[in-house]
Amino acid sequence: MRILIIVTVAALAPAASGSWVYESQWGSSGTGNGQFNHPYSVGVAPNDNVYVADTNNHRVQYFTATGSYLGQWGMEGSGNGQFDMPWGTAVAPSTGNVYVADFGNCRIQYFTATGSYLGRWGSYGSGDAELNYPGAVAIAASSGNVYVADTDNQRIQYFTATGSYLGKWGSGGSGNGEFAYPEGIAIAAGGNVYVADTGGARVQYFTPTGSYLGEWGSFGSGNGEFNFPFSVAVAPGGDVYVVDTDNVRIQYFTATGSYLGQWGSGGSGNGQFSHPEGLSFNVTGSRVYVADTVNDRIQYFNRNEAAVAPASLGRVKALFR
């Protein structure tokens, strides 16, 4: 008697890259706790608390990861802890201190996680360590250095965590390393610096000291094109996310600019936006928060990884003779 067994087994299907799906939101128009007046940016702390630059209310509010109100600080003015349209917000990974680009006062202020004033630097001008309407701030996790999109000076400046001047690069123009009103900045885990060159409708990226590495983007509405890219964020895995403000969407790319995907459209429904300005990830990269500016709210999305398809046992055939 012969026994012949034929087994055909399908290979495991690879996991898809997944997509971002709407999870929830909070906020409405107003001046009360948890209400907003054109929130421009959002930052996430190591403990997942969420900090929002409530720009036209001249304050910073902070919340739990799902939007429960925790506290606030700030009011309109030029004193310590006061703001004139705070735009950019970033949280230092090592200390939890909160850095704010105080746009109208042309300075950077920084605070403890609960809003106690720690210090400030900058004043109006174009010299070293002077600022001209800074639009964004970012913290390098490895060094703690603070990078500032010095928007109207068409350049990037960087400082120690307490504001000592370290260097700068950039000037007005459309060439490599030149800018047209850069509004967003983000630092990758390895230290590379990504800049949303807003008026130039592109993203440029650099070494930590400003050597040009590359760019992508042009004006338009197609995949990988931009219309007023206002801010940029780097996910823990290294992918780069861009708030494509006037195209009313989020686009995301590899670290060198290869297009990966997008979501969003104009409106006030779940997952829709009205002039979105800021974006930030939680520590693990499983959730992303978007400052939906003109809708006066924060929306957040989670990664919907496609499940790995189970292996098929195929067919089993036994032949007995």
Protein backbone atom coordinates (compact mmCIF):
# COMPACT_ATOMS: atom_id res chain seq x y z
CA MET A 1 0.00 0.00 0.00
CA ARG A 2 1.31 3.42 -0.91
CA ILE A 3 0.24 6.58 0.88
CA LEU A 4 0.62 9.90 -0.96
CA ILE A 5 -0.20 13.08 0.92
CA ILE A 6 -0.20 16.44 -0.85
CA VAL A 7 -0.37 19.56 1.29
CA THR A 8 -0.59 23.04 -0.16
CA VAL A 9 -0.17 25.90 2.34
CA ALA A 10 -0.66 29.52 1.39
CA ALA A 11 1.97 31.96 2.61
CA LEU A 12 1.10 34.43 5.30
CA ALA A 13 -0.32 37.59 3.77
CA PRO A 14 1.79 40.63 4.71
CA ALA A 15 0.25 43.25 6.95
CA ALA A 16 -0.90 46.34 5.12
CA SER A 17 0.48 49.70 6.21
CA GLY A 18 -2.85 50.63 7.73
CA SER A 19 -4.65 53.98 7.66
CA TRP A 20 -5.72 56.68 10.06
CA VAL A 21 -9.32 56.59 11.25
CA TYR A 22 -11.31 59.10 13.27
CA GLU A 23 -11.48 58.32 16.98
CA SER A 24 -12.99 61.35 18.74
CA GLN A 25 -12.78 65.10 19.36
CA TRP A 26 -13.26 67.84 21.89
CA GLY A 27 -13.76 71.60 21.92
CA SER A 28 -16.14 74.28 20.71
CA SER A 29 -16.01 78.03 20.13
CA GLY A 30 -15.73 80.17 23.23
CA THR A 31 -13.61 81.28 26.17
CA GLY A 32 -14.59 78.69 28.77
CA ASN A 33 -12.58 75.72 29.95
CA GLY A 34 -12.08 73.38 27.01
CA GLN A 35 -13.36 75.91 24.50
CA PHE A 36 -11.15 77.50 21.85
CA ASN A 37 -10.72 80.53 19.66
CA HIS A 38 -8.63 79.40 16.69
CA PRO A 39 -6.24 76.86 18.25
CA TYR A 40 -3.11 76.85 16.08
CA SER A 41 -0.99 74.05 17.48
CA VAL A 42 -0.98 70.99 19.71
CA GLY A 43 1.80 69.23 21.61
CA VAL A 44 1.81 65.93 23.49
CA ALA A 45 3.76 65.30 26.70
CA PRO A 46 5.59 62.09 27.67
CA ASN A 47 2.62 61.21 29.93
CA ASP A 48 0.24 61.74 26.95
CA ASN A 49 -1.28 64.97 28.26
CA VAL A 50 -2.19 67.26 25.37
CA TYR A 51 -1.24 70.96 25.26
CA VAL A 52 -3.09 73.34 22.94
CA ALA A 53 -2.08 76.85 21.91
CA ASP A 54 -5.50 78.53 22.15
CA THR A 55 -4.23 81.33 19.98
CA ASN A 56 -6.91 84.01 19.90
CA ASN A 57 -7.73 83.41 23.57
CA HIS A 58 -4.03 84.11 24.31
CA ARG A 59 -3.57 81.06 26.50
CA VAL A 60 -2.41 77.46 26.68
CA GLN A 61 -4.87 74.78 27.79
CA TYR A 62 -4.01 71.19 28.62
CA PHE A 63 -6.02 67.99 28.71
CA THR A 64 -5.85 64.25 29.22
CA ALA A 65 -5.20 62.08 26.19
CA THR A 66 -8.94 61.90 25.50
CA GLY A 67 -9.73 65.57 26.07
CA SER A 68 -10.70 65.92 29.72
CA TYR A 69 -9.81 69.44 30.84
CA LEU A 70 -6.88 69.70 33.28
CA GLY A 71 -5.88 73.36 33.39
CA GLN A 72 -4.69 76.47 31.59
CA TRP A 73 -2.44 79.50 31.85
CA GLY A 74 -1.91 82.80 30.09
CA MET A 75 -3.70 85.97 29.12
CA GLU A 76 -3.15 88.73 26.59
CA GLY A 77 -0.11 90.87 27.32
CA SER A 78 3.67 91.04 27.18
CA GLY A 79 4.61 90.11 30.76
CA ASN A 80 6.02 86.79 31.87
CA GLY A 81 3.45 84.08 31.20
CA GLN A 82 1.35 86.38 29.04
CA PHE A 83 0.93 85.98 25.29
CA ASP A 84 0.19 87.84 22.10
CA MET A 85 -1.20 85.07 19.92
CA PRO A 86 0.69 81.95 20.95
CA TRP A 87 1.21 79.87 17.79
CA GLY A 88 3.65 77.03 18.24
CA THR A 89 3.67 74.61 21.19
CA ALA A 90 6.13 71.82 21.92
CA VAL A 91 6.80 69.60 24.94
CA ALA A 92 10.36 68.58 25.83
CA PRO A 93 10.52 64.74 25.90
CA SER A 94 13.02 64.59 28.77
CA THR A 95 11.60 67.22 31.15
CA GLY A 96 7.97 67.69 30.16
CA ASN A 97 8.55 71.46 30.01
CA VAL A 98 6.29 73.30 27.58
CA TYR A 99 7.76 75.72 25.02
CA VAL A 100 5.54 78.29 23.34
CA ALA A 101 6.25 80.43 20.27
CA ASP A 102 4.75 83.73 21.45
CA PHE A 103 4.13 85.02 17.94
CA GLY A 104 3.09 88.62 18.50
CA ASN A 105 5.66 89.22 21.24
CA CYS A 106 8.46 87.79 19.05
CA ARG A 107 9.82 85.49 21.73
CA ILE A 108 9.89 81.97 23.11
CA GLN A 109 8.55 81.29 26.61
CA TYR A 110 8.82 78.03 28.52
CA PHE A 111 6.97 76.59 31.48
CA THR A 112 6.60 73.57 33.70
CA ALA A 113 4.01 70.97 32.76
CA THR A 114 1.42 72.79 34.88
CA GLY A 115 2.21 76.26 33.57
CA SER A 116 4.67 77.72 36.08
CA TYR A 117 6.83 80.27 34.28
CA LEU A 118 10.48 79.22 33.82
CA GLY A 119 11.98 81.68 31.36
CA ARG A 120 11.97 83.35 27.98
CA TRP A 121 14.21 84.63 25.22
CA GLY A 122 13.97 86.67 22.05
CA SER A 123 12.86 90.12 20.98
CA TYR A 124 11.85 91.72 17.71
CA GLY A 125 14.65 91.98 15.16
CA SER A 126 16.79 90.15 12.62
CA GLY A 127 20.02 89.69 14.55
CA ASP A 128 21.21 86.48 16.17
CA ALA A 129 18.67 85.30 18.79
CA GLU A 130 16.21 87.99 17.68
CA LEU A 131 12.90 86.89 16.21
CA ASN A 132 10.38 88.21 13.72
CA TYR A 133 6.99 86.59 14.39
CA PRO A 134 8.12 83.02 15.18
CA GLY A 135 5.52 80.51 14.01
CA ALA A 136 6.69 77.22 15.49
CA VAL A 137 9.02 75.57 17.97
CA ALA A 138 10.37 72.00 18.22
CA ILE A 139 12.58 70.11 20.67
CA ALA A 140 15.33 67.66 19.74
CA ALA A 141 14.93 64.59 21.95
CA SER A 142 18.62 63.67 21.90
CA SER A 143 20.08 67.08 22.79
CA GLY A 144 17.17 69.02 24.25
CA ASN A 145 17.99 71.86 21.85
CA VAL A 146 15.13 74.11 20.79
CA TYR A 147 14.54 74.86 17.12
CA VAL A 148 12.46 77.87 16.10
CA ALA A 149 10.80 78.64 12.77
CA ASP A 150 11.67 82.36 12.66
CA THR A 151 8.94 82.90 10.13
CA ASP A 152 9.22 86.49 8.95
CA ASN A 153 13.02 86.37 9.06
CA GLN A 154 12.83 83.41 6.61
CA ARG A 155 15.18 81.26 8.68
CA ILE A 156 15.61 78.61 11.36
CA GLN A 157 17.36 79.41 14.62
CA TYR A 158 18.31 76.95 17.35
CA PHE A 159 19.12 77.30 21.01
CA THR A 160 19.87 75.37 24.17
CA ALA A 161 16.93 74.36 26.35
CA THR A 162 17.32 77.61 28.32
CA GLY A 163 17.67 79.88 25.30
CA SER A 164 21.39 80.27 24.68
CA TYR A 165 21.93 80.94 20.98
CA LEU A 166 23.58 78.11 19.02
CA GLY A 167 23.12 78.85 15.32
CA LYS A 168 20.89 79.59 12.36
CA TRP A 169 20.38 78.90 8.67
CA GLY A 170 18.19 80.11 5.83
CA SER A 171 17.21 83.24 3.97
CA GLY A 172 14.36 84.31 1.75
CA GLY A 173 14.07 82.55 -1.60
CA SER A 174 13.18 79.35 -3.42
CA GLY A 175 16.57 77.64 -3.60
CA ASN A 176 17.88 74.81 -1.46
CA GLY A 177 17.89 75.93 2.17
CA GLU A 178 15.97 79.11 1.41
CA PHE A 179 12.46 79.74 2.71
CA ALA A 180 9.23 81.60 2.03
CA TYR A 181 7.67 82.17 5.47
CA PRO A 182 8.33 78.80 7.13
CA GLU A 183 5.55 78.08 9.61
CA GLY A 184 6.29 74.53 10.84
CA ILE A 185 9.25 72.59 12.17
CA ALA A 186 9.80 69.07 13.54
CA ILE A 187 12.78 66.99 14.66
CA ALA A 188 13.23 63.31 13.80
CA ALA A 189 14.59 60.83 16.33
CA GLY A 190 17.98 60.89 14.63
CA GLY A 191 18.12 64.69 14.79
CA ASN A 192 17.24 65.68 11.23
CA VAL A 193 15.14 68.84 11.02
CA TYR A 194 12.02 69.03 8.82
CA VAL A 195 10.64 72.44 7.88
CA ALA A 196 7.25 73.27 6.40
CA ASP A 197 8.30 75.92 3.89
CA THR A 198 4.81 77.30 3.81
CA GLY A 199 5.02 79.92 1.08
CA GLY A 200 7.25 77.64 -0.96
CA ALA A 201 4.67 74.82 -0.94
CA ARG A 202 7.28 72.23 0.04
CA VAL A 203 9.00 70.42 2.88
CA GLN A 204 12.76 70.75 3.26
CA TYR A 205 14.94 68.73 5.60
CA PHE A 206 18.37 69.29 7.09
CA THR A 207 20.99 67.95 9.47
CA PRO A 208 20.76 69.22 13.08
CA THR A 209 23.12 72.08 12.21
CA GLY A 210 21.34 73.09 9.00
CA SER A 211 23.09 71.31 6.15
CA TYR A 212 20.59 70.77 3.35
CA LEU A 213 19.57 67.14 2.77
CA GLY A 214 16.56 67.25 0.45
CA GLU A 215 13.03 68.43 -0.22
CA TRP A 216 9.73 67.47 -1.78
CA GLY A 217 6.48 69.13 -2.84
CA SER A 218 5.20 71.80 -5.17
CA PHE A 219 2.06 73.90 -5.41
CA GLY A 220 -1.09 71.96 -6.23
CA SER A 221 -3.69 69.55 -4.90
CA GLY A 222 -2.40 66.20 -6.12
CA ASN A 223 -0.65 63.57 -4.05
CA GLY A 224 2.56 65.07 -2.67
CA GLU A 225 1.57 68.60 -3.67
CA PHE A 226 0.73 71.34 -1.19
CA ASN A 227 -1.29 74.49 -0.78
CA PHE A 228 -0.06 76.33 2.30
CA PRO A 229 1.60 73.50 4.30
CA PHE A 230 1.37 75.00 7.74
CA SER A 231 3.01 72.42 10.00
CA VAL A 232 4.97 69.19 9.99
CA ALA A 233 5.42 66.35 12.49
CA VAL A 234 7.59 63.24 12.55
CA ALA A 235 6.03 59.99 13.78
CA PRO A 236 8.05 57.78 16.15
CA GLY A 237 8.68 55.41 13.25
CA GLY A 238 10.15 58.21 11.12
CA ASP A 239 7.34 58.96 8.68
CA VAL A 240 6.67 62.65 8.09
CA TYR A 241 3.19 64.16 8.36
CA VAL A 242 2.23 67.51 6.83
CA VAL A 243 -0.82 69.64 7.58
CA ASP A 244 -1.74 70.72 4.04
CA THR A 245 -3.88 73.56 5.28
CA ASP A 246 -5.54 75.06 2.21
CA ASN A 247 -6.05 71.61 0.68
CA VAL A 248 -7.82 70.75 3.96
CA ARG A 249 -6.04 67.45 4.55
CA ILE A 250 -3.17 65.65 6.19
CA GLN A 251 -0.57 64.01 3.95
CA TYR A 252 2.15 61.64 5.08
CA PHE A 253 5.43 60.48 3.59
CA THR A 254 8.54 58.46 4.23
CA ALA A 255 11.52 60.24 5.80
CA THR A 256 12.79 61.12 2.33
CA GLY A 257 9.46 62.27 0.91
CA SER A 258 7.90 59.28 -0.83
CA TYR A 259 4.11 59.65 -0.69
CA LEU A 260 2.29 57.20 1.60
CA GLY A 261 -1.25 58.49 2.05
CA GLN A 262 -3.64 61.21 3.18
CA TRP A 263 -6.94 61.88 4.88
CA GLY A 264 -9.34 64.75 5.42
CA SER A 265 -11.64 67.07 3.49
CA GLY A 266 -13.38 70.38 4.10
CA GLY A 267 -16.27 70.50 6.54
CA SER A 268 -17.27 70.20 10.17
CA GLY A 269 -18.10 66.50 10.34
CA ASN A 270 -16.02 63.82 11.98
CA GLY A 271 -12.65 63.65 10.24
CA GLN A 272 -13.27 66.83 8.27
CA PHE A 273 -11.37 70.07 8.80
CA SER A 274 -11.64 73.81 8.45
CA HIS A 275 -8.20 75.39 8.02
CA PRO A 276 -6.27 72.84 10.12
CA GLU A 277 -3.00 74.21 11.48
CA GLY A 278 -1.19 71.83 13.87
CA LEU A 279 -0.51 68.14 14.42
CA SER A 280 1.26 66.01 17.03
CA PHE A 281 1.67 62.33 17.97
CA ASN A 282 1.43 60.54 21.27
CA VAL A 283 4.57 58.82 22.53
CA THR A 284 3.90 55.47 20.86
CA GLY A 285 2.71 56.95 17.57
CA SER A 286 -0.60 55.12 17.77
CA ARG A 287 -2.64 58.32 17.98
CA VAL A 288 -2.36 61.66 16.21
CA TYR A 289 -3.97 64.94 17.28
CA VAL A 290 -4.95 67.68 14.83
CA ALA A 291 -5.69 71.31 15.67
CA ASP A 292 -8.81 71.87 13.56
CA THR A 293 -8.40 75.62 13.82
CA VAL A 294 -11.48 77.29 12.36
CA ASN A 295 -13.73 74.54 13.72
CA ASP A 296 -12.35 75.42 17.19
CA ARG A 297 -11.67 71.84 18.18
CA ILE A 298 -9.08 69.11 18.50
CA GLN A 299 -9.68 65.89 16.60
CA TYR A 300 -7.73 62.72 17.12
CA PHE A 301 -7.22 59.66 15.00
CA ASN A 302 -5.79 56.22 15.56
CA ARG A 303 -3.83 53.84 13.44
CA ASN A 304 -6.01 51.13 11.94
CA GLU A 305 -3.49 48.46 11.10
CA ALA A 306 -4.80 45.88 8.71
CA ALA A 307 -4.83 42.45 10.29
CA VAL A 308 -2.45 39.82 9.04
CA ALA A 309 -4.43 37.42 6.90
CA PRO A 310 -4.43 33.96 8.47
CA ALA A 311 -2.54 31.23 6.71
CA SER A 312 -4.67 28.99 4.60
CA LEU A 313 -4.21 25.31 5.10
CA GLY A 314 -4.90 25.04 1.41
CA ARG A 315 -5.89 21.58 0.38
CA VAL A 316 -4.87 18.30 1.82
CA LYS A 317 -5.18 15.27 -0.38
CA ALA A 318 -4.46 11.75 0.73
CA LEU A 319 -4.26 8.94 -1.73
CA PHE A 320 -4.32 5.40 -0.43
CA ARG A 321 -3.48 2.52 -2.66
